[in-house]
Amino acid sequence: MLLADWQAGMDVQGWESATVHWVIQREDLAARRFDRAFTSVFWNP
């Protein structure tokens, strides 16, 4: 499940246009196990 996503802008020098996703498995979300959430980053320079 997608918890949040963030589009880096000019405020993050060197990572402009990167997208960060904060995700968690459905079972972990239901159990409120946020320690098992993880991030993924997509960046195409």
Protein backbone atom coordinates (compact mmCIF):
# COMPACT_ATOMS: atom_id res chain seq x y z
CA MET A 1 0.00 0.00 0.00
CA LEU A 2 1.23 3.46 -0.84
CA LEU A 3 1.45 5.58 2.31
CA ALA A 4 2.96 8.67 0.70
CA ASP A 5 4.90 9.82 -2.29
CA TRP A 6 7.09 12.84 -2.78
CA GLN A 7 8.38 14.51 -5.91
CA ALA A 8 11.75 16.14 -5.24
CA GLY A 9 12.08 19.56 -6.72
CA MET A 10 14.74 22.20 -6.90
CA ASP A 11 15.04 22.04 -3.08
CA VAL A 12 17.05 18.79 -3.36
CA GLN A 13 20.14 19.62 -5.37
CA GLY A 14 21.33 16.74 -7.51
CA TRP A 15 18.10 14.75 -7.16
CA GLU A 16 15.74 17.02 -9.09
CA SER A 17 12.71 15.12 -10.44
CA ALA A 18 13.32 12.09 -8.21
CA THR A 19 10.21 10.36 -6.88
CA VAL A 20 10.19 8.76 -3.42
CA HIS A 21 7.50 6.25 -2.42
CA TRP A 22 6.78 5.18 1.15
CA VAL A 23 5.03 1.80 1.07
CA ILE A 24 3.88 -0.99 3.37
CA GLN A 25 2.35 -4.44 2.98
CA ARG A 26 -1.43 -4.58 3.65
CA GLU A 27 -1.02 -7.01 6.54
CA ASP A 28 1.55 -4.77 8.21
CA LEU A 29 -0.69 -1.74 7.79
CA ALA A 30 -3.63 -3.57 9.38
CA ALA A 31 -1.39 -4.59 12.29
CA ARG A 32 0.08 -1.05 12.49
CA ARG A 33 3.60 -2.40 12.00
CA PHE A 34 5.08 0.78 10.53
CA ASP A 35 8.57 -0.42 11.41
CA ARG A 36 8.20 -2.74 8.40
CA ALA A 37 7.42 0.08 5.95
CA PHE A 38 10.05 0.86 3.35
CA THR A 39 10.90 3.41 0.70
CA SER A 40 11.77 3.21 -2.94
CA VAL A 41 13.32 5.94 -5.04
CA PHE A 42 12.99 6.42 -8.78
CA TRP A 43 15.44 8.83 -10.34
CA ASN A 44 16.18 9.20 -14.01
CA PRO A 45 19.02 11.71 -14.43
